[in-house]
Amino acid sequence: MSSLRDSLEEDSYHLQRRVKREEENNVTQELKDKHKENLWHVKNTEEWFNLKLWLGDVFIEMKRYQEA
């Protein structure tokens, strides 16, 4: 009887560790996904900023051309 109990306790221990490991993996994956999303926003913000700078330069050149 005691060996059965020991076996069940060991199984329970391993199951708990497995569940904990899976939870940690899920949290890690969520953080990775969030990081990717943040990088995507940063990249798009930079591209938008560069586009606005470029459009500003084009606008200035058009104004110079009209004034000339």
PDB file of N, CA and C in Angstrom:
ATOM      1  N   MET A   1       0.817  -1.195   0.000  1.00  0.00           N
ATOM      2  CA  MET A   1       0.000   0.000   0.000  1.00  0.00           C
ATOM      3  C   MET A   1       0.859   1.257   0.000  1.00  0.00           C
ATOM      4  N   SER A   2       1.924   1.188   0.772  1.00  0.00           N
ATOM      5  CA  SER A   2       2.777   2.371   0.877  1.00  0.00           C
ATOM      6  C   SER A   2       3.485   2.671  -0.445  1.00  0.00           C
ATOM      7  N   SER A   3       3.836   1.630  -1.195  1.00  0.00           N
ATOM      8  CA  SER A   3       4.496   1.871  -2.484  1.00  0.00           C
ATOM      9  C   SER A   3       3.526   2.498  -3.484  1.00  0.00           C
ATOM     10  N   LEU A   4       2.257   2.106  -3.395  1.00  0.00           N
ATOM     11  CA  LEU A   4       1.250   2.709  -4.256  1.00  0.00           C
ATOM     12  C   LEU A   4       1.097   4.191  -3.914  1.00  0.00           C
ATOM     13  N   ARG A   5       1.055   4.492  -2.631  1.00  0.00           N
ATOM     14  CA  ARG A   5       0.939   5.881  -2.185  1.00  0.00           C
ATOM     15  C   ARG A   5       2.167   6.678  -2.631  1.00  0.00           C
ATOM     16  N   ASP A   6       3.345   6.100  -2.464  1.00  0.00           N
ATOM     17  CA  ASP A   6       4.574   6.767  -2.908  1.00  0.00           C
ATOM     18  C   ASP A   6       4.535   7.036  -4.406  1.00  0.00           C
ATOM     19  N   SER A   7       4.066   6.047  -5.139  1.00  0.00           N
ATOM     20  CA  SER A   7       3.982   6.189  -6.588  1.00  0.00           C
ATOM     21  C   SER A   7       3.002   7.300  -6.964  1.00  0.00           C
ATOM     22  N   LEU A   8       1.865   7.333  -6.295  1.00  0.00           N
ATOM     23  CA  LEU A   8       0.868   8.379  -6.567  1.00  0.00           C
ATOM     24  C   LEU A   8       1.403   9.767  -6.206  1.00  0.00           C
ATOM     25  N   GLU A   9       2.099   9.849  -5.088  1.00  0.00           N
ATOM     26  CA  GLU A   9       2.680  11.135  -4.680  1.00  0.00           C
ATOM     27  C   GLU A   9       3.720  11.600  -5.692  1.00  0.00           C
ATOM     28  N   GLU A  10       4.517  10.671  -6.160  1.00  0.00           N
ATOM     29  CA  GLU A  10       5.539  11.014  -7.157  1.00  0.00           C
ATOM     30  C   GLU A  10       4.882  11.478  -8.457  1.00  0.00           C
ATOM     31  N   ASP A  11       3.843  10.746  -8.883  1.00  0.00           N
ATOM     32  CA  ASP A  11       3.113  11.150 -10.094  1.00  0.00           C
ATOM     33  C   ASP A  11       2.507  12.537  -9.919  1.00  0.00           C
ATOM     34  N   SER A  12       1.939  12.771  -8.752  1.00  0.00           N
ATOM     35  CA  SER A  12       1.325  14.066  -8.468  1.00  0.00           C
ATOM     36  C   SER A  12       2.383  15.168  -8.515  1.00  0.00           C
ATOM     37  N   TYR A  13       3.538  14.892  -7.924  1.00  0.00           N
ATOM     38  CA  TYR A  13       4.628  15.862  -7.922  1.00  0.00           C
ATOM     39  C   TYR A  13       5.047  16.187  -9.358  1.00  0.00           C
ATOM     40  N   HIS A  14       5.222  15.171 -10.189  1.00  0.00           N
ATOM     41  CA  HIS A  14       5.653  15.390 -11.571  1.00  0.00           C
ATOM     42  C   HIS A  14       4.578  16.119 -12.367  1.00  0.00           C
ATOM     43  N   LEU A  15       3.330  15.785 -12.102  1.00  0.00           N
ATOM     44  CA  LEU A  15       2.227  16.462 -12.780  1.00  0.00           C
ATOM     45  C   LEU A  15       2.206  17.945 -12.419  1.00  0.00           C
ATOM     46  N   GLN A  16       2.374  18.247 -11.126  1.00  0.00           N
ATOM     47  CA  GLN A  16       2.402  19.650 -10.690  1.00  0.00           C
ATOM     48  C   GLN A  16       3.550  20.396 -11.349  1.00  0.00           C
ATOM     49  N   ARG A  17       4.707  19.775 -11.417  1.00  0.00           N
ATOM     50  CA  ARG A  17       5.865  20.424 -12.055  1.00  0.00           C
ATOM     51  C   ARG A  17       5.601  20.665 -13.538  1.00  0.00           C
ATOM     52  N   ARG A  18       4.948  19.685 -14.170  1.00  0.00           N
ATOM     53  CA  ARG A  18       4.647  19.807 -15.594  1.00  0.00           C
ATOM     54  C   ARG A  18       3.663  20.957 -15.833  1.00  0.00           C
ATOM     55  N   VAL A  19       2.642  21.029 -15.011  1.00  0.00           N
ATOM     56  CA  VAL A  19       1.657  22.106 -15.129  1.00  0.00           C
ATOM     57  C   VAL A  19       2.345  23.454 -14.919  1.00  0.00           C
ATOM     58  N   LYS A  20       3.204  23.525 -13.917  1.00  0.00           N
ATOM     59  CA  LYS A  20       3.915  24.779 -13.641  1.00  0.00           C
ATOM     60  C   LYS A  20       4.795  25.165 -14.833  1.00  0.00           C
ATOM     61  N   ARG A  21       5.487  24.183 -15.402  1.00  0.00           N
ATOM     62  CA  ARG A  21       6.357  24.443 -16.551  1.00  0.00           C
ATOM     63  C   ARG A  21       5.537  24.936 -17.748  1.00  0.00           C
ATOM     64  N   GLU A  22       4.382  24.315 -17.977  1.00  0.00           N
ATOM     65  CA  GLU A  22       3.523  24.736 -19.084  1.00  0.00           C
ATOM     66  C   GLU A  22       2.998  26.144 -18.864  1.00  0.00           C
ATOM     67  N   GLU A  23       2.642  26.468 -17.610  1.00  0.00           N
ATOM     68  CA  GLU A  23       2.180  27.826 -17.306  1.00  0.00           C
ATOM     69  C   GLU A  23       3.295  28.837 -17.572  1.00  0.00           C
ATOM     70  N   GLU A  24       4.508  28.495 -17.160  1.00  0.00           N
ATOM     71  CA  GLU A  24       5.653  29.391 -17.392  1.00  0.00           C
ATOM     72  C   GLU A  24       5.899  29.563 -18.887  1.00  0.00           C
ATOM     73  N   ASN A  25       5.762  28.467 -19.647  1.00  0.00           N
ATOM     74  CA  ASN A  25       5.948  28.544 -21.099  1.00  0.00           C
ATOM     75  C   ASN A  25       4.888  29.438 -21.732  1.00  0.00           C
ATOM     76  N   ASN A  26       3.650  29.327 -21.240  1.00  0.00           N
ATOM     77  CA  ASN A  26       2.575  30.166 -21.767  1.00  0.00           C
ATOM     78  C   ASN A  26       2.855  31.636 -21.499  1.00  0.00           C
ATOM     79  N   VAL A  27       3.314  31.948 -20.280  1.00  0.00           N
ATOM     80  CA  VAL A  27       3.633  33.333 -19.931  1.00  0.00           C
ATOM     81  C   VAL A  27       4.778  33.828 -20.806  1.00  0.00           C
ATOM     82  N   THR A  28       5.791  32.988 -20.996  1.00  0.00           N
ATOM     83  CA  THR A  28       6.931  33.345 -21.831  1.00  0.00           C
ATOM     84  C   THR A  28       6.467  33.629 -23.259  1.00  0.00           C
ATOM     85  N   GLN A  29       5.581  32.779 -23.775  1.00  0.00           N
ATOM     86  CA  GLN A  29       5.079  32.973 -25.136  1.00  0.00           C
ATOM     87  C   GLN A  29       4.280  34.267 -25.237  1.00  0.00           C
ATOM     88  N   GLU A  30       3.471  34.553 -24.209  1.00  0.00           N
ATOM     89  CA  GLU A  30       2.696  35.799 -24.199  1.00  0.00           C
ATOM     90  C   GLU A  30       3.628  37.006 -24.222  1.00  0.00           C
ATOM     91  N   LEU A  31       4.707  36.928 -23.441  1.00  0.00           N
ATOM     92  CA  LEU A  31       5.665  38.039 -23.410  1.00  0.00           C
ATOM     93  C   LEU A  31       6.351  38.208 -24.761  1.00  0.00           C
ATOM     94  N   LYS A  32       6.699  37.078 -25.393  1.00  0.00           N
ATOM     95  CA  LYS A  32       7.326  37.148 -26.717  1.00  0.00           C
ATOM     96  C   LYS A  32       6.377  37.781 -27.724  1.00  0.00           C
ATOM     97  N   ASP A  33       5.096  37.370 -27.664  1.00  0.00           N
ATOM     98  CA  ASP A  33       4.110  37.931 -28.586  1.00  0.00           C
ATOM     99  C   ASP A  33       3.954  39.426 -28.350  1.00  0.00           C
ATOM    100  N   LYS A  34       3.906  39.837 -27.089  1.00  0.00           N
ATOM    101  CA  LYS A  34       3.754  41.251 -26.751  1.00  0.00           C
ATOM    102  C   LYS A  34       4.969  42.032 -27.264  1.00  0.00           C
ATOM    103  N   HIS A  35       6.161  41.444 -27.088  1.00  0.00           N
ATOM    104  CA  HIS A  35       7.389  42.096 -27.550  1.00  0.00           C
ATOM    105  C   HIS A  35       7.352  42.288 -29.062  1.00  0.00           C
ATOM    106  N   LYS A  36       6.913  41.258 -29.799  1.00  0.00           N
ATOM    107  CA  LYS A  36       6.803  41.362 -31.258  1.00  0.00           C
ATOM    108  C   LYS A  36       5.840  42.472 -31.641  1.00  0.00           C
ATOM    109  N   GLU A  37       4.710  42.528 -30.918  1.00  0.00           N
ATOM    110  CA  GLU A  37       3.709  43.549 -31.208  1.00  0.00           C
ATOM    111  C   GLU A  37       4.293  44.946 -30.966  1.00  0.00           C
ATOM    112  N   ASN A  38       5.035  45.092 -29.873  1.00  0.00           N
ATOM    113  CA  ASN A  38       5.655  46.385 -29.575  1.00  0.00           C
ATOM    114  C   ASN A  38       6.677  46.759 -30.637  1.00  0.00           C
ATOM    115  N   LEU A  39       7.469  45.786 -31.076  1.00  0.00           N
ATOM    116  CA  LEU A  39       8.451  46.055 -32.124  1.00  0.00           C
ATOM    117  C   LEU A  39       7.755  46.475 -33.411  1.00  0.00           C
ATOM    118  N   TRP A  40       6.620  45.835 -33.716  1.00  0.00           N
ATOM    119  CA  TRP A  40       5.857  46.171 -34.909  1.00  0.00           C
ATOM    120  C   TRP A  40       5.386  47.616 -34.835  1.00  0.00           C
ATOM    121  N   HIS A  41       4.884  48.026 -33.649  1.00  0.00           N
ATOM    122  CA  HIS A  41       4.422  49.404 -33.494  1.00  0.00           C
ATOM    123  C   HIS A  41       5.583  50.397 -33.642  1.00  0.00           C
ATOM    124  N   VAL A  42       6.725  50.055 -33.045  1.00  0.00           N
ATOM    125  CA  VAL A  42       7.891  50.941 -33.140  1.00  0.00           C
ATOM    126  C   VAL A  42       8.317  51.082 -34.598  1.00  0.00           C
ATOM    127  N   LYS A  43       8.375  49.964 -35.317  1.00  0.00           N
ATOM    128  CA  LYS A  43       8.788  49.987 -36.723  1.00  0.00           C
ATOM    129  C   LYS A  43       7.825  50.848 -37.544  1.00  0.00           C
ATOM    130  N   ASN A  44       6.522  50.641 -37.334  1.00  0.00           N
ATOM    131  CA  ASN A  44       5.546  51.418 -38.085  1.00  0.00           C
ATOM    132  C   ASN A  44       5.619  52.899 -37.733  1.00  0.00           C
ATOM    133  N   THR A  45       5.866  53.199 -36.458  1.00  0.00           N
ATOM    134  CA  THR A  45       5.980  54.597 -36.041  1.00  0.00           C
ATOM    135  C   THR A  45       7.182  55.244 -36.718  1.00  0.00           C
ATOM    136  N   GLU A  46       8.298  54.516 -36.767  1.00  0.00           N
ATOM    137  CA  GLU A  46       9.499  55.045 -37.426  1.00  0.00           C
ATOM    138  C   GLU A  46       9.245  55.269 -38.916  1.00  0.00           C
ATOM    139  N   GLU A  47       8.581  54.307 -39.547  1.00  0.00           N
ATOM    140  CA  GLU A  47       8.301  54.446 -40.978  1.00  0.00           C
ATOM    141  C   GLU A  47       7.368  55.627 -41.225  1.00  0.00           C
ATOM    142  N   TRP A  48       6.379  55.795 -40.364  1.00  0.00           N
ATOM    143  CA  TRP A  48       5.448  56.913 -40.504  1.00  0.00           C
ATOM    144  C   TRP A  48       6.190  58.237 -40.333  1.00  0.00           C
ATOM    145  N   PHE A  49       7.071  58.289 -39.336  1.00  0.00           N
ATOM    146  CA  PHE A  49       7.858  59.495 -39.090  1.00  0.00           C
ATOM    147  C   PHE A  49       8.734  59.811 -40.308  1.00  0.00           C
ATOM    148  N   ASN A  50       9.380  58.797 -40.862  1.00  0.00           N
ATOM    149  CA  ASN A  50      10.219  59.002 -42.048  1.00  0.00           C
ATOM    150  C   ASN A  50       9.390  59.468 -43.237  1.00  0.00           C
ATOM    151  N   LEU A  51       8.194  58.909 -43.389  1.00  0.00           N
ATOM    152  CA  LEU A  51       7.315  59.325 -44.470  1.00  0.00           C
ATOM    153  C   LEU A  51       6.926  60.797 -44.302  1.00  0.00           C
ATOM    154  N   LYS A  52       6.604  61.197 -43.057  1.00  0.00           N
ATOM    155  CA  LYS A  52       6.240  62.591 -42.817  1.00  0.00           C
ATOM    156  C   LYS A  52       7.416  63.517 -43.115  1.00  0.00           C
ATOM    157  N   LEU A  53       8.623  63.108 -42.741  1.00  0.00           N
ATOM    158  CA  LEU A  53       9.808  63.921 -43.060  1.00  0.00           C
ATOM    159  C   LEU A  53       9.967  64.055 -44.567  1.00  0.00           C
ATOM    160  N   TRP A  54       9.819  62.945 -45.277  1.00  0.00           N
ATOM    161  CA  TRP A  54       9.966  62.949 -46.729  1.00  0.00           C
ATOM    162  C   TRP A  54       8.899  63.845 -47.363  1.00  0.00           C
ATOM    163  N   LEU A  55       7.642  63.709 -46.908  1.00  0.00           N
ATOM    164  CA  LEU A  55       6.567  64.553 -47.451  1.00  0.00           C
ATOM    165  C   LEU A  55       6.835  66.025 -47.151  1.00  0.00           C
ATOM    166  N   GLY A  56       7.385  66.296 -45.979  1.00  0.00           N
ATOM    167  CA  GLY A  56       7.742  67.677 -45.627  1.00  0.00           C
ATOM    168  C   GLY A  56       8.791  68.224 -46.585  1.00  0.00           C
ATOM    169  N   ASP A  57       9.801  67.422 -46.902  1.00  0.00           N
ATOM    170  CA  ASP A  57      10.841  67.839 -47.845  1.00  0.00           C
ATOM    171  C   ASP A  57      10.248  68.094 -49.226  1.00  0.00           C
ATOM    172  N   VAL A  58       9.349  67.214 -49.654  1.00  0.00           N
ATOM    173  CA  VAL A  58       8.701  67.378 -50.960  1.00  0.00           C
ATOM    174  C   VAL A  58       7.898  68.676 -50.966  1.00  0.00           C
ATOM    175  N   PHE A  59       7.168  68.924 -49.883  1.00  0.00           N
ATOM    176  CA  PHE A  59       6.354  70.134 -49.780  1.00  0.00           C
ATOM    177  C   PHE A  59       7.225  71.394 -49.854  1.00  0.00           C
ATOM    178  N   ILE A  60       8.355  71.378 -49.145  1.00  0.00           N
ATOM    179  CA  ILE A  60       9.270  72.526 -49.152  1.00  0.00           C
ATOM    180  C   ILE A  60       9.808  72.746 -50.569  1.00  0.00           C
ATOM    181  N   GLU A  61      10.187  71.662 -51.253  1.00  0.00           N
ATOM    182  CA  GLU A  61      10.698  71.779 -52.612  1.00  0.00           C
ATOM    183  C   GLU A  61       9.614  72.332 -53.550  1.00  0.00           C
ATOM    184  N   MET A  62       8.372  71.892 -53.372  1.00  0.00           N
ATOM    185  CA  MET A  62       7.279  72.398 -54.213  1.00  0.00           C
ATOM    186  C   MET A  62       7.077  73.897 -53.976  1.00  0.00           C
ATOM    187  N   LYS A  63       7.157  74.316 -52.711  1.00  0.00           N
ATOM    188  CA  LYS A  63       6.992  75.736 -52.401  1.00  0.00           C
ATOM    189  C   LYS A  63       8.105  76.562 -53.055  1.00  0.00           C
ATOM    190  N   ARG A  64       9.349  76.059 -52.960  1.00  0.00           N
ATOM    191  CA  ARG A  64      10.491  76.767 -53.572  1.00  0.00           C
ATOM    192  C   ARG A  64      10.289  76.887 -55.072  1.00  0.00           C
ATOM    193  N   TYR A  65       9.807  75.790 -55.679  1.00  0.00           N
ATOM    194  CA  TYR A  65       9.593  75.784 -57.121  1.00  0.00           C
ATOM    195  C   TYR A  65       8.509  76.798 -57.500  1.00  0.00           C
ATOM    196  N   GLN A  66       7.457  76.870 -56.709  1.00  0.00           N
ATOM    197  CA  GLN A  66       6.371  77.821 -57.006  1.00  0.00           C
ATOM    198  C   GLN A  66       6.832  79.272 -56.836  1.00  0.00           C
ATOM    199  N   GLU A  67       7.704  79.493 -55.844  1.00  0.00           N
ATOM    200  CA  GLU A  67       8.162  80.868 -55.580  1.00  0.00           C
ATOM    201  C   GLU A  67       9.153  81.325 -56.646  1.00  0.00           C
ATOM    202  N   ALA A  68       9.837  80.392 -57.261  1.00  0.00           N
ATOM    203  CA  ALA A  68      10.860  80.748 -58.253  1.00  0.00           C
ATOM    204  C   ALA A  68      10.269  81.186 -59.576  1.00  0.00           C
TER     205      ALA A  68
END
